[in-house]
Amino acid sequence: MRTIVKGKNIDVPEPVREYAERKMRRLERLLDDDTDAVVEFSSEQHRSTADSQIAEATLTVGGQILRSHAAGPTYQASLDIVIDRIERQAVDAREKPRGKVRTEEARARALSAEEPESMAEADRPKSRIVKTKRFAIEPMFEEDALARMEELGHHFFLFVNAESEKVCVLYRRSDGDFGLIEPVIGGEYTPRRTGSRAD
């Protein structure tokens, strides 16, 4: 496994670099020699001391990307969390070979193409809610919600907008930008423009 350790707008201290290289070697038993790994450290001054040091790891394993990041009081603490998450992802990747998944997907597509649409609809299992998550949300500004979503590595984030006091959903768009869903109950909807360019 080839590992690159770098800093984002920081110089990585040598003890942190050595720690990262040592911890990444722990994953070698799960990965092959062609794996590329990049560990990046950064610091967020506007965060509390408890989560101001950020570590992110990205591994490319046979064309598949494994990625995780975490924030903590030290780079080492953040990296420990990241390594645990990446290790779980690597185990899952080994247990589910991509070739087998692709073969099953191709077989499913071929079967659905051969069947009449009504038959495919009848055989398809009904979608249902299988899990409910409950969590406390607190008012925050859009910029803070975006930073929190990036920290968690999620594609969407639910929060209470500190300005409008409404529950909003922040989401990542396919073009790499972000969108914001604001609920409107009754009345007319007036789109809010985030850019300065007029039509």
Protein backbone atom coordinates (compact mmCIF):
# COMPACT_ATOMS: atom_id res chain seq x y z
CA MET A 1 0.00 0.00 0.00
CA ARG A 2 1.30 3.44 -0.98
CA THR A 3 0.50 6.14 1.58
CA ILE A 4 0.75 9.92 1.16
CA VAL A 5 0.41 12.11 4.26
CA LYS A 6 -0.24 15.80 3.66
CA GLY A 7 -1.69 18.90 5.26
CA LYS A 8 -4.37 21.27 4.01
CA ASN A 9 -3.00 24.76 4.66
CA ILE A 10 -0.83 23.36 7.46
CA ASP A 11 2.58 21.74 7.85
CA VAL A 12 2.06 18.25 9.27
CA PRO A 13 4.24 17.78 12.37
CA GLU A 14 6.68 14.89 12.01
CA PRO A 15 5.27 12.94 15.00
CA VAL A 16 1.79 13.15 13.44
CA ARG A 17 3.16 12.02 10.06
CA GLU A 18 4.90 9.03 11.64
CA TYR A 19 1.77 8.17 13.62
CA ALA A 20 -0.35 8.26 10.44
CA GLU A 21 2.06 6.03 8.51
CA ARG A 22 2.16 3.55 11.39
CA LYS A 23 -1.63 3.46 11.73
CA MET A 24 -2.17 3.04 7.98
CA ARG A 25 0.08 -0.04 8.01
CA ARG A 26 -2.60 -1.64 10.19
CA LEU A 27 -4.83 -1.78 7.09
CA GLU A 28 -2.30 -3.57 4.88
CA ARG A 29 -3.57 -7.00 5.90
CA LEU A 30 -6.96 -6.10 4.39
CA LEU A 31 -5.69 -4.45 1.20
CA ASP A 32 -3.46 -5.35 -1.73
CA ASP A 33 -0.19 -3.78 -2.83
CA ASP A 34 -1.90 -1.70 -5.52
CA THR A 35 -3.87 0.33 -2.96
CA ASP A 36 -3.23 4.07 -2.90
CA ALA A 37 -3.94 5.93 0.34
CA VAL A 38 -3.99 9.66 1.03
CA VAL A 39 -4.22 11.01 4.59
CA GLU A 40 -4.92 14.72 4.88
CA PHE A 41 -4.90 16.80 8.04
CA SER A 42 -6.47 20.22 8.49
CA SER A 43 -7.39 22.59 11.29
CA GLU A 44 -10.62 24.56 11.76
CA GLN A 45 -10.05 27.53 14.02
CA HIS A 46 -13.74 28.43 14.33
CA ARG A 47 -14.53 25.06 15.92
CA SER A 48 -14.29 24.24 19.59
CA THR A 49 -11.01 22.80 20.87
CA ALA A 50 -12.71 19.40 21.17
CA ASP A 51 -13.16 19.06 17.41
CA SER A 52 -10.78 21.50 15.76
CA GLN A 53 -8.25 18.95 14.42
CA ILE A 54 -9.52 17.12 11.34
CA ALA A 55 -8.21 13.96 9.66
CA GLU A 56 -9.42 12.53 6.36
CA ALA A 57 -8.35 9.34 4.62
CA THR A 58 -9.08 8.30 1.04
CA LEU A 59 -8.14 4.85 -0.27
CA THR A 60 -8.42 3.65 -3.85
CA VAL A 61 -8.81 -0.12 -3.88
CA GLY A 62 -9.17 -1.70 -7.31
CA GLY A 63 -11.09 1.28 -8.63
CA GLN A 64 -13.28 1.48 -5.54
CA ILE A 65 -12.92 4.50 -3.25
CA LEU A 66 -13.08 4.23 0.54
CA ARG A 67 -13.23 7.55 2.37
CA SER A 68 -13.77 8.79 5.91
CA HIS A 69 -13.02 11.85 7.97
CA ALA A 70 -13.42 12.88 11.60
CA ALA A 71 -12.73 15.79 13.92
CA GLY A 72 -11.21 15.60 17.38
CA PRO A 73 -9.06 17.40 19.94
CA THR A 74 -5.83 16.13 18.32
CA TYR A 75 -4.86 14.86 14.87
CA GLN A 76 -4.06 11.47 16.36
CA ALA A 77 -7.50 11.16 17.99
CA SER A 78 -9.21 12.12 14.73
CA LEU A 79 -7.11 9.65 12.76
CA ASP A 80 -7.96 6.82 15.18
CA ILE A 81 -11.67 7.33 14.39
CA VAL A 82 -10.96 7.50 10.65
CA ILE A 83 -8.88 4.30 10.67
CA ASP A 84 -11.64 2.40 12.51
CA ARG A 85 -14.21 3.52 9.93
CA ILE A 86 -11.99 2.78 6.95
CA GLU A 87 -11.18 -0.64 8.36
CA ARG A 88 -14.90 -1.47 8.55
CA GLN A 89 -15.35 -0.28 4.95
CA ALA A 90 -12.40 -2.38 3.81
CA VAL A 91 -13.84 -5.49 5.50
CA ASP A 92 -17.22 -4.87 3.83
CA ALA A 93 -15.51 -4.40 0.45
CA ARG A 94 -13.70 -7.72 0.82
CA GLU A 95 -16.86 -9.57 1.83
CA LYS A 96 -18.81 -8.19 -1.17
CA PRO A 97 -16.63 -8.63 -4.26
CA ARG A 98 -17.47 -6.02 -6.89
CA GLY A 99 -17.46 -8.56 -9.71
CA LYS A 100 -20.21 -10.57 -8.03
CA VAL A 101 -22.29 -7.46 -7.43
CA ARG A 102 -21.92 -6.39 -11.06
CA THR A 103 -22.91 -9.88 -12.29
CA GLU A 104 -26.05 -9.86 -10.13
CA GLU A 105 -26.96 -6.36 -11.29
CA ALA A 106 -26.52 -7.36 -14.96
CA ARG A 107 -28.67 -10.47 -14.43
CA ALA A 108 -31.40 -8.39 -12.77
CA ARG A 109 -31.35 -5.87 -15.63
CA ALA A 110 -31.57 -8.67 -18.23
CA LEU A 111 -34.52 -10.29 -16.47
CA SER A 112 -36.42 -7.03 -16.12
CA ALA A 113 -35.84 -6.29 -19.82
CA GLU A 114 -37.27 -9.68 -20.83
CA GLU A 115 -40.35 -9.48 -18.59
CA PRO A 116 -43.43 -7.46 -19.48
CA GLU A 117 -43.55 -4.26 -17.43
CA SER A 118 -46.68 -5.34 -15.54
CA MET A 119 -45.02 -8.60 -14.46
CA ALA A 120 -41.86 -6.80 -13.32
CA GLU A 121 -44.00 -4.36 -11.30
CA ALA A 122 -45.94 -7.22 -9.71
CA ASP A 123 -42.79 -9.10 -8.66
CA ARG A 124 -40.99 -6.03 -7.34
CA PRO A 125 -41.10 -5.82 -3.51
CA LYS A 126 -42.97 -2.88 -2.06
CA SER A 127 -40.81 -0.11 -0.62
CA ARG A 128 -41.24 0.35 3.10
CA ILE A 129 -39.73 2.19 6.02
CA VAL A 130 -37.43 -0.21 7.85
CA LYS A 131 -35.67 2.15 10.24
CA THR A 132 -36.48 5.31 12.17
CA LYS A 133 -33.77 7.62 13.52
CA ARG A 134 -34.41 10.26 16.14
CA PHE A 135 -31.88 12.92 17.04
CA ALA A 136 -31.81 16.32 18.68
CA ILE A 137 -31.42 19.28 16.35
CA GLU A 138 -30.44 22.78 17.34
CA PRO A 139 -30.75 26.13 15.56
CA MET A 140 -27.74 26.99 13.40
CA PHE A 141 -26.88 29.19 10.45
CA GLU A 142 -26.61 27.73 6.94
CA GLU A 143 -22.81 28.03 6.90
CA ASP A 144 -22.55 26.07 10.17
CA ALA A 145 -24.94 23.42 8.85
CA LEU A 146 -22.80 23.06 5.71
CA ALA A 147 -19.62 22.69 7.78
CA ARG A 148 -21.31 20.08 9.98
CA MET A 149 -22.57 18.12 6.98
CA GLU A 150 -19.07 18.13 5.44
CA GLU A 151 -17.60 16.96 8.75
CA LEU A 152 -20.03 14.04 8.93
CA GLY A 153 -19.52 13.15 5.27
CA HIS A 154 -23.27 12.97 4.61
CA HIS A 155 -25.10 13.82 1.37
CA PHE A 156 -27.82 15.69 3.27
CA PHE A 157 -28.23 17.38 6.65
CA LEU A 158 -31.38 18.27 8.61
CA PHE A 159 -31.23 21.37 10.84
CA VAL A 160 -33.26 24.25 12.27
CA ASN A 161 -32.40 27.48 10.43
CA ALA A 162 -31.43 30.07 13.05
CA GLU A 163 -32.72 32.89 10.83
CA SER A 164 -36.11 31.52 9.74
CA GLU A 165 -36.60 29.10 12.67
CA LYS A 166 -37.76 26.47 10.17
CA VAL A 167 -36.59 22.91 9.80
CA CYS A 168 -34.50 22.81 6.60
CA VAL A 169 -32.64 20.18 4.62
CA LEU A 170 -29.22 20.90 3.14
CA TYR A 171 -28.18 18.50 0.37
CA ARG A 172 -25.30 17.90 -2.04
CA ARG A 173 -26.20 18.29 -5.71
CA SER A 174 -24.85 16.06 -8.47
CA ASP A 175 -22.83 19.01 -9.86
CA GLY A 176 -20.92 19.32 -6.55
CA ASP A 177 -22.78 22.39 -5.29
CA PHE A 178 -25.32 22.38 -2.48
CA GLY A 179 -29.05 22.94 -2.28
CA LEU A 180 -31.32 23.99 0.56
CA ILE A 181 -34.90 22.80 1.04
CA GLU A 182 -37.05 25.20 3.08
CA PRO A 183 -40.61 24.14 3.96
CA VAL A 184 -43.49 26.48 3.15
CA ILE A 185 -46.83 25.79 4.82
CA GLY A 186 -49.68 27.53 2.97
CA GLY A 187 -49.36 30.83 1.16
CA GLU A 188 -47.34 31.43 -1.97
CA TYR A 189 -43.84 30.19 -2.51
CA THR A 190 -41.26 32.85 -3.35
CA PRO A 191 -37.94 31.38 -4.57
CA ARG A 192 -34.92 32.76 -2.76
CA ARG A 193 -31.89 33.40 -4.94
CA THR A 194 -28.48 32.67 -3.52
CA GLY A 195 -26.50 34.12 -6.45
CA SER A 196 -26.24 37.73 -7.59
CA ARG A 197 -26.81 37.06 -11.30
CA ALA A 198 -30.22 37.97 -12.63
CA ASP A 199 -32.05 36.03 -15.39
